[in-house]
Amino acid sequence: MTIDLVTRRTELVELRERMLNAAADLVADDVGGEINSPAGDQHIADHATDLVDRELDHSLGENAENVVAEIDAALARIDEGTYGVCAKCGASIPEERLDAVPYAILCLDDKRLQEHG
């Protein structure tokens, strides 16, 4: 398997930038929201919906931070020469898997084992 590391690095950097922008947009949308203000005239159901939306945004922001950390680790693996090698078994990670998850550290078999116990 021959991975075009220059192209893969570019893809990872672009994905990292998109994730950071998405996380920044979530924070910007949340700042100054009605949920922080005393909304005495707000219906309790509307307030509950706002709380759920805010929690969802927080979860998405945390996920974005985790993905950015995984992307940074993938970029480091490119620099180290270990990109595309399964961290568990040492086998090559198929290019199709890296196309789907460019920051993957496990081959599909080991990822399945990890997910299923």
C-alpha atoms as a PDB file:
ATOM      1  CA  MET A   1       0.000   0.000   0.000  1.00  0.00           C
ATOM      2  CA  THR A   2       1.319   3.388  -0.953  1.00  0.00           C
ATOM      3  CA  ILE A   3      -0.312   6.339   0.736  1.00  0.00           C
ATOM      4  CA  ASP A   4       0.149   9.789  -0.760  1.00  0.00           C
ATOM      5  CA  LEU A   5       1.243  11.448   2.477  1.00  0.00           C
ATOM      6  CA  VAL A   6       1.354  14.949   1.014  1.00  0.00           C
ATOM      7  CA  THR A   7      -2.271  14.705  -0.085  1.00  0.00           C
ATOM      8  CA  ARG A   8      -3.277  13.015   3.173  1.00  0.00           C
ATOM      9  CA  ARG A   9      -1.550  15.743   5.230  1.00  0.00           C
ATOM     10  CA  THR A  10      -3.420  18.412   3.241  1.00  0.00           C
ATOM     11  CA  GLU A  11      -6.722  16.622   3.824  1.00  0.00           C
ATOM     12  CA  LEU A  12      -6.042  16.321   7.551  1.00  0.00           C
ATOM     13  CA  VAL A  13      -5.067  19.988   7.882  1.00  0.00           C
ATOM     14  CA  GLU A  14      -8.220  21.049   6.017  1.00  0.00           C
ATOM     15  CA  LEU A  15     -10.381  18.755   8.155  1.00  0.00           C
ATOM     16  CA  ARG A  16      -8.743  20.166  11.290  1.00  0.00           C
ATOM     17  CA  GLU A  17      -9.546  23.704  10.175  1.00  0.00           C
ATOM     18  CA  ARG A  18     -13.175  22.784   9.436  1.00  0.00           C
ATOM     19  CA  MET A  19     -13.558  21.176  12.864  1.00  0.00           C
ATOM     20  CA  LEU A  20     -12.076  24.213  14.616  1.00  0.00           C
ATOM     21  CA  ASN A  21     -14.355  26.546  12.664  1.00  0.00           C
ATOM     22  CA  ALA A  22     -17.410  24.435  13.477  1.00  0.00           C
ATOM     23  CA  ALA A  23     -16.517  24.436  17.179  1.00  0.00           C
ATOM     24  CA  ALA A  24     -15.978  28.205  17.100  1.00  0.00           C
ATOM     25  CA  ASP A  25     -19.361  28.660  15.419  1.00  0.00           C
ATOM     26  CA  LEU A  26     -21.049  26.652  18.184  1.00  0.00           C
ATOM     27  CA  VAL A  27     -19.443  28.821  20.844  1.00  0.00           C
ATOM     28  CA  ALA A  28     -20.342  32.018  18.982  1.00  0.00           C
ATOM     29  CA  ASP A  29     -23.958  30.903  18.628  1.00  0.00           C
ATOM     30  CA  ASP A  30     -24.163  30.158  22.353  1.00  0.00           C
ATOM     31  CA  VAL A  31     -22.738  33.477  23.585  1.00  0.00           C
ATOM     32  CA  GLY A  32     -25.443  35.836  24.677  1.00  0.00           C
ATOM     33  CA  GLY A  33     -28.198  33.313  24.161  1.00  0.00           C
ATOM     34  CA  GLU A  34     -31.559  33.719  25.843  1.00  0.00           C
ATOM     35  CA  ILE A  35     -30.817  30.815  28.115  1.00  0.00           C
ATOM     36  CA  ASN A  36     -28.374  32.965  30.081  1.00  0.00           C
ATOM     37  CA  SER A  37     -30.943  35.688  30.629  1.00  0.00           C
ATOM     38  CA  PRO A  38     -33.765  35.609  33.107  1.00  0.00           C
ATOM     39  CA  ALA A  39     -36.609  34.811  30.748  1.00  0.00           C
ATOM     40  CA  GLY A  40     -39.582  35.131  33.026  1.00  0.00           C
ATOM     41  CA  ASP A  41     -42.000  35.116  30.132  1.00  0.00           C
ATOM     42  CA  GLN A  42     -40.483  32.023  28.507  1.00  0.00           C
ATOM     43  CA  HIS A  43     -42.655  28.912  28.570  1.00  0.00           C
ATOM     44  CA  ILE A  44     -41.127  26.022  30.509  1.00  0.00           C
ATOM     45  CA  ALA A  45     -41.130  23.816  27.390  1.00  0.00           C
ATOM     46  CA  ASP A  46     -39.217  26.479  25.460  1.00  0.00           C
ATOM     47  CA  HIS A  47     -36.737  26.742  28.301  1.00  0.00           C
ATOM     48  CA  ALA A  48     -36.295  22.946  28.314  1.00  0.00           C
ATOM     49  CA  THR A  49     -35.731  22.971  24.552  1.00  0.00           C
ATOM     50  CA  ASP A  50     -33.099  25.676  24.964  1.00  0.00           C
ATOM     51  CA  LEU A  51     -31.342  23.594  27.625  1.00  0.00           C
ATOM     52  CA  VAL A  52     -31.322  20.518  25.384  1.00  0.00           C
ATOM     53  CA  ASP A  53     -29.980  22.576  22.467  1.00  0.00           C
ATOM     54  CA  ARG A  54     -27.251  24.022  24.632  1.00  0.00           C
ATOM     55  CA  GLU A  55     -26.231  20.589  25.929  1.00  0.00           C
ATOM     56  CA  LEU A  56     -26.145  19.248  22.371  1.00  0.00           C
ATOM     57  CA  ASP A  57     -23.932  22.138  21.280  1.00  0.00           C
ATOM     58  CA  HIS A  58     -21.619  21.477  24.215  1.00  0.00           C
ATOM     59  CA  SER A  59     -21.368  17.780  23.290  1.00  0.00           C
ATOM     60  CA  LEU A  60     -20.670  18.630  19.657  1.00  0.00           C
ATOM     61  CA  GLY A  61     -17.978  21.079  20.731  1.00  0.00           C
ATOM     62  CA  GLU A  62     -16.306  18.447  22.902  1.00  0.00           C
ATOM     63  CA  ASN A  63     -16.450  15.962  20.039  1.00  0.00           C
ATOM     64  CA  ALA A  64     -14.824  18.514  17.731  1.00  0.00           C
ATOM     65  CA  GLU A  65     -12.015  18.986  20.259  1.00  0.00           C
ATOM     66  CA  ASN A  66     -11.483  15.214  20.420  1.00  0.00           C
ATOM     67  CA  VAL A  67     -11.384  14.894  16.632  1.00  0.00           C
ATOM     68  CA  VAL A  68      -8.883  17.773  16.398  1.00  0.00           C
ATOM     69  CA  ALA A  69      -6.648  15.950  18.911  1.00  0.00           C
ATOM     70  CA  GLU A  70      -6.916  12.764  16.818  1.00  0.00           C
ATOM     71  CA  ILE A  71      -6.052  14.730  13.676  1.00  0.00           C
ATOM     72  CA  ASP A  72      -3.018  16.238  15.418  1.00  0.00           C
ATOM     73  CA  ALA A  73      -1.918  12.731  16.386  1.00  0.00           C
ATOM     74  CA  ALA A  74      -2.356  11.559  12.772  1.00  0.00           C
ATOM     75  CA  LEU A  75      -0.217  14.463  11.545  1.00  0.00           C
ATOM     76  CA  ALA A  76       2.442  13.460  14.077  1.00  0.00           C
ATOM     77  CA  ARG A  77       2.296   9.864  12.786  1.00  0.00           C
ATOM     78  CA  ILE A  78       2.905  11.159   9.267  1.00  0.00           C
ATOM     79  CA  ASP A  79       6.009  12.958  10.566  1.00  0.00           C
ATOM     80  CA  GLU A  80       7.145   9.810  12.423  1.00  0.00           C
ATOM     81  CA  GLY A  81       6.548   7.527   9.448  1.00  0.00           C
ATOM     82  CA  THR A  82       3.920   5.406  11.228  1.00  0.00           C
ATOM     83  CA  TYR A  83       0.807   6.786   9.535  1.00  0.00           C
ATOM     84  CA  GLY A  84      -1.380   4.021   8.114  1.00  0.00           C
ATOM     85  CA  VAL A  85      -0.022   1.351  10.458  1.00  0.00           C
ATOM     86  CA  CYS A  86      -2.376  -0.222  13.007  1.00  0.00           C
ATOM     87  CA  ALA A  87      -1.305   0.762  16.523  1.00  0.00           C
ATOM     88  CA  LYS A  88      -2.403  -2.629  17.880  1.00  0.00           C
ATOM     89  CA  CYS A  89      -1.306  -5.290  15.396  1.00  0.00           C
ATOM     90  CA  GLY A  90       1.125  -3.387  13.164  1.00  0.00           C
ATOM     91  CA  ALA A  91      -0.724  -4.274   9.959  1.00  0.00           C
ATOM     92  CA  SER A  92      -1.344  -1.707   7.265  1.00  0.00           C
ATOM     93  CA  ILE A  93      -4.623   0.144   7.597  1.00  0.00           C
ATOM     94  CA  PRO A  94      -6.469  -0.168   4.275  1.00  0.00           C
ATOM     95  CA  GLU A  95      -6.583   3.029   2.260  1.00  0.00           C
ATOM     96  CA  GLU A  96     -10.385   2.773   2.090  1.00  0.00           C
ATOM     97  CA  ARG A  97     -10.499   3.008   5.888  1.00  0.00           C
ATOM     98  CA  LEU A  98      -8.156   5.993   5.865  1.00  0.00           C
ATOM     99  CA  ASP A  99     -10.346   7.617   3.215  1.00  0.00           C
ATOM    100  CA  ALA A 100     -13.327   7.260   5.561  1.00  0.00           C
ATOM    101  CA  VAL A 101     -11.462   8.092   8.798  1.00  0.00           C
ATOM    102  CA  PRO A 102      -8.149   9.741   7.911  1.00  0.00           C
ATOM    103  CA  TYR A 103      -7.057   9.872  11.552  1.00  0.00           C
ATOM    104  CA  ALA A 104      -7.709   6.148  12.202  1.00  0.00           C
ATOM    105  CA  ILE A 105      -5.127   4.376  14.354  1.00  0.00           C
ATOM    106  CA  LEU A 106      -6.571   0.872  14.150  1.00  0.00           C
ATOM    107  CA  CYS A 107      -7.233  -1.485  11.268  1.00  0.00           C
ATOM    108  CA  LEU A 108     -10.867  -2.460  10.825  1.00  0.00           C
ATOM    109  CA  ASP A 109     -10.517  -5.811  12.620  1.00  0.00           C
ATOM    110  CA  ASP A 110      -8.926  -4.247  15.688  1.00  0.00           C
ATOM    111  CA  LYS A 111     -11.449  -1.397  15.679  1.00  0.00           C
ATOM    112  CA  ARG A 112     -14.283  -3.943  15.668  1.00  0.00           C
ATOM    113  CA  LEU A 113     -12.679  -5.805  18.547  1.00  0.00           C
ATOM    114  CA  GLN A 114     -12.299  -2.550  20.476  1.00  0.00           C
ATOM    115  CA  GLU A 115     -15.941  -1.617  19.954  1.00  0.00           C
ATOM    116  CA  HIS A 116     -17.332  -5.038  20.853  1.00  0.00           C
ATOM    117  CA  GLY A 117     -15.274  -5.681  23.922  1.00  0.00           C
END
